[in-house]
Amino acid sequence: MSLAEEVPDLRDRSFSTLFSHALRGVPCRVLGLDGGPAELPVHDWTRPADHHDDALLAECVGDTLDIGCGPGRLAQRLAERGDRRTGRRVLGIDVVPEAVAQTRARGVSALQGSVFDPVPREGRWHTALLADGNVGIGGDPLALLARLGEVLAPDGRVVVELGAPGVPTSTRWARLEVAGTTSRPFRWSVVGVDGVLGLARATGWAVTTRAPFAPQRWLAVLERRP
């Protein structure tokens, strides 16, 4: 029996369905980005958070939204760390039901949906976390950063993981491939650390930090522009 026969809903070619199978351990490739077909690095997202992740998460202050939370390893670590002075609310958001289920299984609150939809406590969150390339969500970083200006409190910040220096900002049509079935195309963007300044200025943010936090992994912190 083929994998497609074992998993009949592969006939549903949505991103959400194929990504759900990837999160359950089914091999998955991403097509359409630079470098040709590549294995989706789900193993990096399902493992426990490590000291490199902690360096990224140290920039998250107060109540934090983990946008595109995936299986919830970072949201879990944030919730475990908390904030000794004030406590910390952590909420994961993801469009993929399996991602939300796995995040909740880690004991962390998670919401199925898009950050472009209404968000609980909108306008009162202190940090929005965009890790694992999630600044590419929706294929429009400008729209995403502008939306976060509505979701966050006036003194809120965006903590974003970026590509290494020299990686150009680009937007592509991509697809997932599982067991010979490809998803319908979806828009995805890649933003390198060199490109974040222009995006921030165009959406009312100031870049207060740009730094490596692990080999070939870079972060930026965006705060309201005075």
C-alpha atoms as a PDB file:
ATOM      1  CA  MET A   1       0.000   0.000   0.000  1.00  0.00           C
ATOM      2  CA  SER A   2       1.364   3.444  -0.925  1.00  0.00           C
ATOM      3  CA  LEU A   3       1.715   6.265   1.572  1.00  0.00           C
ATOM      4  CA  ALA A   4      -0.977   8.191  -0.300  1.00  0.00           C
ATOM      5  CA  GLU A   5      -3.332   5.215   0.185  1.00  0.00           C
ATOM      6  CA  GLU A   6      -2.420   4.946   3.867  1.00  0.00           C
ATOM      7  CA  VAL A   7      -3.136   8.675   4.294  1.00  0.00           C
ATOM      8  CA  PRO A   8      -6.247   9.214   2.128  1.00  0.00           C
ATOM      9  CA  ASP A   9      -6.661  12.906   2.887  1.00  0.00           C
ATOM     10  CA  LEU A  10      -3.536  13.601   0.817  1.00  0.00           C
ATOM     11  CA  ARG A  11      -6.135  14.098  -1.889  1.00  0.00           C
ATOM     12  CA  ASP A  12      -6.733  17.415  -0.115  1.00  0.00           C
ATOM     13  CA  ARG A  13      -3.892  19.469  -1.582  1.00  0.00           C
ATOM     14  CA  SER A  14      -4.051  22.354   0.894  1.00  0.00           C
ATOM     15  CA  PHE A  15      -0.889  23.605   2.576  1.00  0.00           C
ATOM     16  CA  SER A  16      -2.494  22.895   5.940  1.00  0.00           C
ATOM     17  CA  THR A  17      -3.151  19.214   5.197  1.00  0.00           C
ATOM     18  CA  LEU A  18       0.300  18.441   3.824  1.00  0.00           C
ATOM     19  CA  PHE A  19       2.039  20.380   6.595  1.00  0.00           C
ATOM     20  CA  SER A  20       0.001  18.434   9.159  1.00  0.00           C
ATOM     21  CA  HIS A  21       1.392  15.187   7.756  1.00  0.00           C
ATOM     22  CA  ALA A  22       4.905  16.620   7.931  1.00  0.00           C
ATOM     23  CA  LEU A  23       4.417  17.435  11.608  1.00  0.00           C
ATOM     24  CA  ARG A  24       3.381  13.805  12.185  1.00  0.00           C
ATOM     25  CA  GLY A  25       6.690  12.645  10.755  1.00  0.00           C
ATOM     26  CA  VAL A  26       5.852  12.033   7.090  1.00  0.00           C
ATOM     27  CA  PRO A  27       8.769  13.148   4.854  1.00  0.00           C
ATOM     28  CA  CYS A  28       8.021  16.462   3.168  1.00  0.00           C
ATOM     29  CA  ARG A  29       9.859  18.633   0.669  1.00  0.00           C
ATOM     30  CA  VAL A  30       9.396  22.304  -0.129  1.00  0.00           C
ATOM     31  CA  LEU A  31       9.513  23.263  -3.798  1.00  0.00           C
ATOM     32  CA  GLY A  32      10.007  26.636  -5.434  1.00  0.00           C
ATOM     33  CA  LEU A  33      12.505  28.365  -3.148  1.00  0.00           C
ATOM     34  CA  ASP A  34      16.160  29.023  -3.979  1.00  0.00           C
ATOM     35  CA  GLY A  35      18.373  25.970  -4.162  1.00  0.00           C
ATOM     36  CA  GLY A  36      15.782  23.603  -5.600  1.00  0.00           C
ATOM     37  CA  PRO A  37      13.679  21.044  -3.690  1.00  0.00           C
ATOM     38  CA  ALA A  38      14.679  20.775  -0.033  1.00  0.00           C
ATOM     39  CA  GLU A  39      13.555  18.654   2.867  1.00  0.00           C
ATOM     40  CA  LEU A  40      11.298  20.610   5.181  1.00  0.00           C
ATOM     41  CA  PRO A  41      13.328  20.785   8.434  1.00  0.00           C
ATOM     42  CA  VAL A  42      10.496  19.576  10.645  1.00  0.00           C
ATOM     43  CA  HIS A  43      12.987  17.795  12.920  1.00  0.00           C
ATOM     44  CA  ASP A  44      14.365  21.234  13.888  1.00  0.00           C
ATOM     45  CA  TRP A  45      10.902  22.434  14.871  1.00  0.00           C
ATOM     46  CA  THR A  46       9.799  19.372  16.850  1.00  0.00           C
ATOM     47  CA  ARG A  47      12.963  18.974  18.940  1.00  0.00           C
ATOM     48  CA  PRO A  48      13.200  20.650  22.358  1.00  0.00           C
ATOM     49  CA  ALA A  49      14.409  24.241  22.384  1.00  0.00           C
ATOM     50  CA  ASP A  50      18.165  24.581  22.946  1.00  0.00           C
ATOM     51  CA  HIS A  51      20.584  27.258  24.118  1.00  0.00           C
ATOM     52  CA  HIS A  52      20.626  28.888  20.679  1.00  0.00           C
ATOM     53  CA  ASP A  53      16.839  29.231  20.805  1.00  0.00           C
ATOM     54  CA  ASP A  54      17.178  30.679  24.311  1.00  0.00           C
ATOM     55  CA  ALA A  55      19.357  33.469  22.910  1.00  0.00           C
ATOM     56  CA  LEU A  56      16.507  34.383  20.544  1.00  0.00           C
ATOM     57  CA  LEU A  57      13.819  34.054  23.197  1.00  0.00           C
ATOM     58  CA  ALA A  58      15.751  36.284  25.607  1.00  0.00           C
ATOM     59  CA  GLU A  59      14.621  39.205  23.428  1.00  0.00           C
ATOM     60  CA  CYS A  60      10.943  38.409  24.100  1.00  0.00           C
ATOM     61  CA  VAL A  61       9.568  40.513  26.951  1.00  0.00           C
ATOM     62  CA  GLY A  62       6.178  40.321  28.611  1.00  0.00           C
ATOM     63  CA  ASP A  63       3.125  38.747  27.006  1.00  0.00           C
ATOM     64  CA  THR A  64       4.218  37.109  23.770  1.00  0.00           C
ATOM     65  CA  LEU A  65       2.501  35.922  20.593  1.00  0.00           C
ATOM     66  CA  ASP A  66       4.349  33.132  18.806  1.00  0.00           C
ATOM     67  CA  ILE A  67       3.152  33.655  15.236  1.00  0.00           C
ATOM     68  CA  GLY A  68       3.329  30.550  13.087  1.00  0.00           C
ATOM     69  CA  CYS A  69       4.082  28.572  16.243  1.00  0.00           C
ATOM     70  CA  GLY A  70       4.329  25.193  14.516  1.00  0.00           C
ATOM     71  CA  PRO A  71       4.497  22.347  17.035  1.00  0.00           C
ATOM     72  CA  GLY A  72       5.162  24.798  19.856  1.00  0.00           C
ATOM     73  CA  ARG A  73       8.711  24.192  21.030  1.00  0.00           C
ATOM     74  CA  LEU A  74       9.454  27.918  21.397  1.00  0.00           C
ATOM     75  CA  ALA A  75       6.101  28.764  22.939  1.00  0.00           C
ATOM     76  CA  GLN A  76       6.671  25.992  25.458  1.00  0.00           C
ATOM     77  CA  ARG A  77      10.108  27.305  26.398  1.00  0.00           C
ATOM     78  CA  LEU A  78       8.725  30.838  26.772  1.00  0.00           C
ATOM     79  CA  ALA A  79       5.936  29.605  29.008  1.00  0.00           C
ATOM     80  CA  GLU A  80       8.414  27.633  31.131  1.00  0.00           C
ATOM     81  CA  ARG A  81      10.721  30.612  31.514  1.00  0.00           C
ATOM     82  CA  GLY A  82       7.955  33.070  32.272  1.00  0.00           C
ATOM     83  CA  ASP A  83       8.715  36.469  33.663  1.00  0.00           C
ATOM     84  CA  ARG A  84       9.595  36.360  37.355  1.00  0.00           C
ATOM     85  CA  ARG A  85       8.373  39.889  37.970  1.00  0.00           C
ATOM     86  CA  THR A  86       5.080  40.072  36.140  1.00  0.00           C
ATOM     87  CA  GLY A  87       4.289  36.615  34.807  1.00  0.00           C
ATOM     88  CA  ARG A  88       3.927  36.065  31.091  1.00  0.00           C
ATOM     89  CA  ARG A  89       1.059  35.106  28.820  1.00  0.00           C
ATOM     90  CA  VAL A  90       2.128  33.053  25.808  1.00  0.00           C
ATOM     91  CA  LEU A  91      -0.175  32.313  22.889  1.00  0.00           C
ATOM     92  CA  GLY A  92       0.735  30.374  19.779  1.00  0.00           C
ATOM     93  CA  ILE A  93      -1.034  31.106  16.501  1.00  0.00           C
ATOM     94  CA  ASP A  94      -0.970  28.811  13.484  1.00  0.00           C
ATOM     95  CA  VAL A  95      -3.250  28.068  10.549  1.00  0.00           C
ATOM     96  CA  VAL A  96      -2.436  24.341  10.700  1.00  0.00           C
ATOM     97  CA  PRO A  97      -4.681  22.306  13.042  1.00  0.00           C
ATOM     98  CA  GLU A  98      -1.961  19.728  13.783  1.00  0.00           C
ATOM     99  CA  ALA A  99       0.437  22.494  14.830  1.00  0.00           C
ATOM    100  CA  VAL A 100      -2.138  23.899  17.229  1.00  0.00           C
ATOM    101  CA  ALA A 101      -2.862  20.430  18.630  1.00  0.00           C
ATOM    102  CA  GLN A 102       0.829  19.714  19.222  1.00  0.00           C
ATOM    103  CA  THR A 103       1.352  23.099  20.875  1.00  0.00           C
ATOM    104  CA  ARG A 104      -1.573  22.512  23.203  1.00  0.00           C
ATOM    105  CA  ALA A 105      -0.213  19.040  23.988  1.00  0.00           C
ATOM    106  CA  ARG A 106       2.875  20.823  25.327  1.00  0.00           C
ATOM    107  CA  GLY A 107       0.630  22.661  27.772  1.00  0.00           C
ATOM    108  CA  VAL A 108       0.640  25.995  25.938  1.00  0.00           C
ATOM    109  CA  SER A 109      -2.375  27.968  24.743  1.00  0.00           C
ATOM    110  CA  ALA A 110      -2.706  28.053  20.968  1.00  0.00           C
ATOM    111  CA  LEU A 111      -5.194  29.490  18.502  1.00  0.00           C
ATOM    112  CA  GLN A 112      -5.940  28.120  15.041  1.00  0.00           C
ATOM    113  CA  GLY A 113      -6.119  30.972  12.574  1.00  0.00           C
ATOM    114  CA  SER A 114      -4.206  33.742  10.885  1.00  0.00           C
ATOM    115  CA  VAL A 115      -2.584  36.731  12.554  1.00  0.00           C
ATOM    116  CA  PHE A 116      -4.480  38.812   9.986  1.00  0.00           C
ATOM    117  CA  ASP A 117      -7.728  37.740  11.679  1.00  0.00           C
ATOM    118  CA  PRO A 118      -8.859  39.255  14.997  1.00  0.00           C
ATOM    119  CA  VAL A 119      -6.504  38.247  17.818  1.00  0.00           C
ATOM    120  CA  PRO A 120      -7.412  37.966  21.522  1.00  0.00           C
ATOM    121  CA  ARG A 121      -6.201  40.978  23.552  1.00  0.00           C
ATOM    122  CA  GLU A 122      -5.380  42.811  20.338  1.00  0.00           C
ATOM    123  CA  GLY A 123      -3.351  45.941  20.991  1.00  0.00           C
ATOM    124  CA  ARG A 124      -2.052  44.680  24.357  1.00  0.00           C
ATOM    125  CA  TRP A 125       0.642  42.146  23.494  1.00  0.00           C
ATOM    126  CA  HIS A 126       4.220  43.102  24.344  1.00  0.00           C
ATOM    127  CA  THR A 127       6.138  40.898  21.886  1.00  0.00           C
ATOM    128  CA  ALA A 128       5.431  39.227  18.563  1.00  0.00           C
ATOM    129  CA  LEU A 129       7.826  36.382  17.774  1.00  0.00           C
ATOM    130  CA  LEU A 130       8.528  35.498  14.127  1.00  0.00           C
ATOM    131  CA  ALA A 131      10.956  32.566  14.309  1.00  0.00           C
ATOM    132  CA  ASP A 132      11.995  29.882  11.819  1.00  0.00           C
ATOM    133  CA  GLY A 133      11.549  32.202   8.837  1.00  0.00           C
ATOM    134  CA  ASN A 134       7.978  33.163   9.711  1.00  0.00           C
ATOM    135  CA  VAL A 135       8.487  36.743   8.537  1.00  0.00           C
ATOM    136  CA  GLY A 136       7.665  35.076   5.209  1.00  0.00           C
ATOM    137  CA  ILE A 137       4.083  34.270   6.234  1.00  0.00           C
ATOM    138  CA  GLY A 138       1.629  35.328   3.549  1.00  0.00           C
ATOM    139  CA  GLY A 139       4.361  36.341   1.122  1.00  0.00           C
ATOM    140  CA  ASP A 140       4.102  40.007   2.134  1.00  0.00           C
ATOM    141  CA  PRO A 141       6.470  41.096   4.944  1.00  0.00           C
ATOM    142  CA  LEU A 142       5.289  44.697   4.678  1.00  0.00           C
ATOM    143  CA  ALA A 143       1.675  43.710   5.329  1.00  0.00           C
ATOM    144  CA  LEU A 144       2.745  41.405   8.156  1.00  0.00           C
ATOM    145  CA  LEU A 145       4.810  44.040   9.968  1.00  0.00           C
ATOM    146  CA  ALA A 146       2.061  46.625   9.490  1.00  0.00           C
ATOM    147  CA  ARG A 147      -0.466  44.193  10.986  1.00  0.00           C
ATOM    148  CA  LEU A 148       1.772  43.633  14.003  1.00  0.00           C
ATOM    149  CA  GLY A 149       1.615  47.361  14.626  1.00  0.00           C
ATOM    150  CA  GLU A 150      -2.097  46.829  15.312  1.00  0.00           C
ATOM    151  CA  VAL A 151      -1.710  43.659  17.360  1.00  0.00           C
ATOM    152  CA  LEU A 152       0.995  44.922  19.706  1.00  0.00           C
ATOM    153  CA  ALA A 153       0.830  47.466  22.503  1.00  0.00           C
ATOM    154  CA  PRO A 154       2.272  50.943  21.829  1.00  0.00           C
ATOM    155  CA  ASP A 155       5.530  49.867  23.513  1.00  0.00           C
ATOM    156  CA  GLY A 156       5.532  46.435  21.884  1.00  0.00           C
ATOM    157  CA  ARG A 157       8.326  44.848  19.915  1.00  0.00           C
ATOM    158  CA  VAL A 158       8.811  42.341  17.116  1.00  0.00           C
ATOM    159  CA  VAL A 159      11.506  39.695  17.511  1.00  0.00           C
ATOM    160  CA  VAL A 160      12.210  38.274  14.077  1.00  0.00           C
ATOM    161  CA  GLU A 161      14.567  35.605  12.797  1.00  0.00           C
ATOM    162  CA  LEU A 162      16.154  36.498   9.456  1.00  0.00           C
ATOM    163  CA  GLY A 163      18.387  35.083   6.770  1.00  0.00           C
ATOM    164  CA  ALA A 164      22.129  35.626   6.972  1.00  0.00           C
ATOM    165  CA  PRO A 165      23.905  38.669   5.505  1.00  0.00           C
ATOM    166  CA  GLY A 166      23.824  38.601   1.727  1.00  0.00           C
ATOM    167  CA  VAL A 167      20.514  36.735   1.557  1.00  0.00           C
ATOM    168  CA  PRO A 168      18.270  38.917  -0.638  1.00  0.00           C
ATOM    169  CA  THR A 169      14.672  39.698   0.165  1.00  0.00           C
ATOM    170  CA  SER A 170      12.484  37.726  -2.220  1.00  0.00           C
ATOM    171  CA  THR A 171       8.945  36.426  -2.607  1.00  0.00           C
ATOM    172  CA  ARG A 172       8.123  33.210  -4.419  1.00  0.00           C
ATOM    173  CA  TRP A 173       5.336  30.789  -5.107  1.00  0.00           C
ATOM    174  CA  ALA A 174       6.169  27.601  -3.193  1.00  0.00           C
ATOM    175  CA  ARG A 175       4.591  24.183  -2.744  1.00  0.00           C
ATOM    176  CA  LEU A 176       4.900  21.294  -0.314  1.00  0.00           C
ATOM    177  CA  GLU A 177       5.344  17.736  -1.549  1.00  0.00           C
ATOM    178  CA  VAL A 178       4.340  14.652   0.459  1.00  0.00           C
ATOM    179  CA  ALA A 179       4.257  11.104  -0.959  1.00  0.00           C
ATOM    180  CA  GLY A 180       4.207  12.414  -4.514  1.00  0.00           C
ATOM    181  CA  THR A 181       1.351  14.828  -3.821  1.00  0.00           C
ATOM    182  CA  THR A 182       2.054  18.554  -4.101  1.00  0.00           C
ATOM    183  CA  SER A 183       0.125  21.248  -2.338  1.00  0.00           C
ATOM    184  CA  ARG A 184      -1.571  24.099  -4.088  1.00  0.00           C
ATOM    185  CA  PRO A 185       0.908  27.000  -4.486  1.00  0.00           C
ATOM    186  CA  PHE A 186       1.286  29.462  -1.631  1.00  0.00           C
ATOM    187  CA  ARG A 187       3.200  32.731  -1.372  1.00  0.00           C
ATOM    188  CA  TRP A 188       6.290  32.791   0.835  1.00  0.00           C
ATOM    189  CA  SER A 189       8.945  35.443   1.428  1.00  0.00           C
ATOM    190  CA  VAL A 190      12.546  35.262   2.531  1.00  0.00           C
ATOM    191  CA  VAL A 191      14.119  38.256   4.284  1.00  0.00           C
ATOM    192  CA  GLY A 192      17.827  38.564   5.006  1.00  0.00           C
ATOM    193  CA  VAL A 193      19.261  40.622   7.830  1.00  0.00           C
ATOM    194  CA  ASP A 194      20.388  43.266   5.312  1.00  0.00           C
ATOM    195  CA  GLY A 195      16.829  43.819   4.103  1.00  0.00           C
ATOM    196  CA  VAL A 196      15.061  44.329   7.404  1.00  0.00           C
ATOM    197  CA  LEU A 197      15.945  48.035   7.738  1.00  0.00           C
ATOM    198  CA  GLY A 198      13.936  49.066   4.694  1.00  0.00           C
ATOM    199  CA  LEU A 199      10.967  46.934   5.687  1.00  0.00           C
ATOM    200  CA  ALA A 200      10.991  48.391   9.189  1.00  0.00           C
ATOM    201  CA  ARG A 201      11.145  52.015   8.006  1.00  0.00           C
ATOM    202  CA  ALA A 202       8.293  51.442   5.575  1.00  0.00           C
ATOM    203  CA  THR A 203       6.013  50.108   8.322  1.00  0.00           C
ATOM    204  CA  GLY A 204       6.777  52.469  11.199  1.00  0.00           C
ATOM    205  CA  TRP A 205       9.328  50.357  13.080  1.00  0.00           C
ATOM    206  CA  ALA A 206      12.905  51.030  14.125  1.00  0.00           C
ATOM    207  CA  VAL A 207      15.494  48.249  14.187  1.00  0.00           C
ATOM    208  CA  THR A 208      17.128  48.388  17.614  1.00  0.00           C
ATOM    209  CA  THR A 209      19.083  45.125  17.404  1.00  0.00           C
ATOM    210  CA  ARG A 210      20.595  43.059  14.585  1.00  0.00           C
ATOM    211  CA  ALA A 211      22.796  40.197  15.729  1.00  0.00           C
ATOM    212  CA  PRO A 212      23.678  36.554  15.191  1.00  0.00           C
ATOM    213  CA  PHE A 213      22.324  34.232  17.873  1.00  0.00           C
ATOM    214  CA  ALA A 214      23.539  30.910  16.441  1.00  0.00           C
ATOM    215  CA  PRO A 215      25.692  29.810  13.494  1.00  0.00           C
ATOM    216  CA  GLN A 216      24.029  31.196  10.347  1.00  0.00           C
ATOM    217  CA  ARG A 217      21.020  32.380  12.356  1.00  0.00           C
ATOM    218  CA  TRP A 218      20.306  36.080  12.798  1.00  0.00           C
ATOM    219  CA  LEU A 219      17.723  38.052  14.723  1.00  0.00           C
ATOM    220  CA  ALA A 220      16.441  41.591  14.696  1.00  0.00           C
ATOM    221  CA  VAL A 221      14.361  43.459  17.249  1.00  0.00           C
ATOM    222  CA  LEU A 222      11.923  46.042  15.919  1.00  0.00           C
ATOM    223  CA  GLU A 223      10.400  48.719  18.138  1.00  0.00           C
ATOM    224  CA  ARG A 224       8.150  51.690  17.465  1.00  0.00           C
ATOM    225  CA  ARG A 225       9.874  54.452  15.581  1.00  0.00           C
ATOM    226  CA  PRO A 226       9.855  57.697  17.608  1.00  0.00           C
END
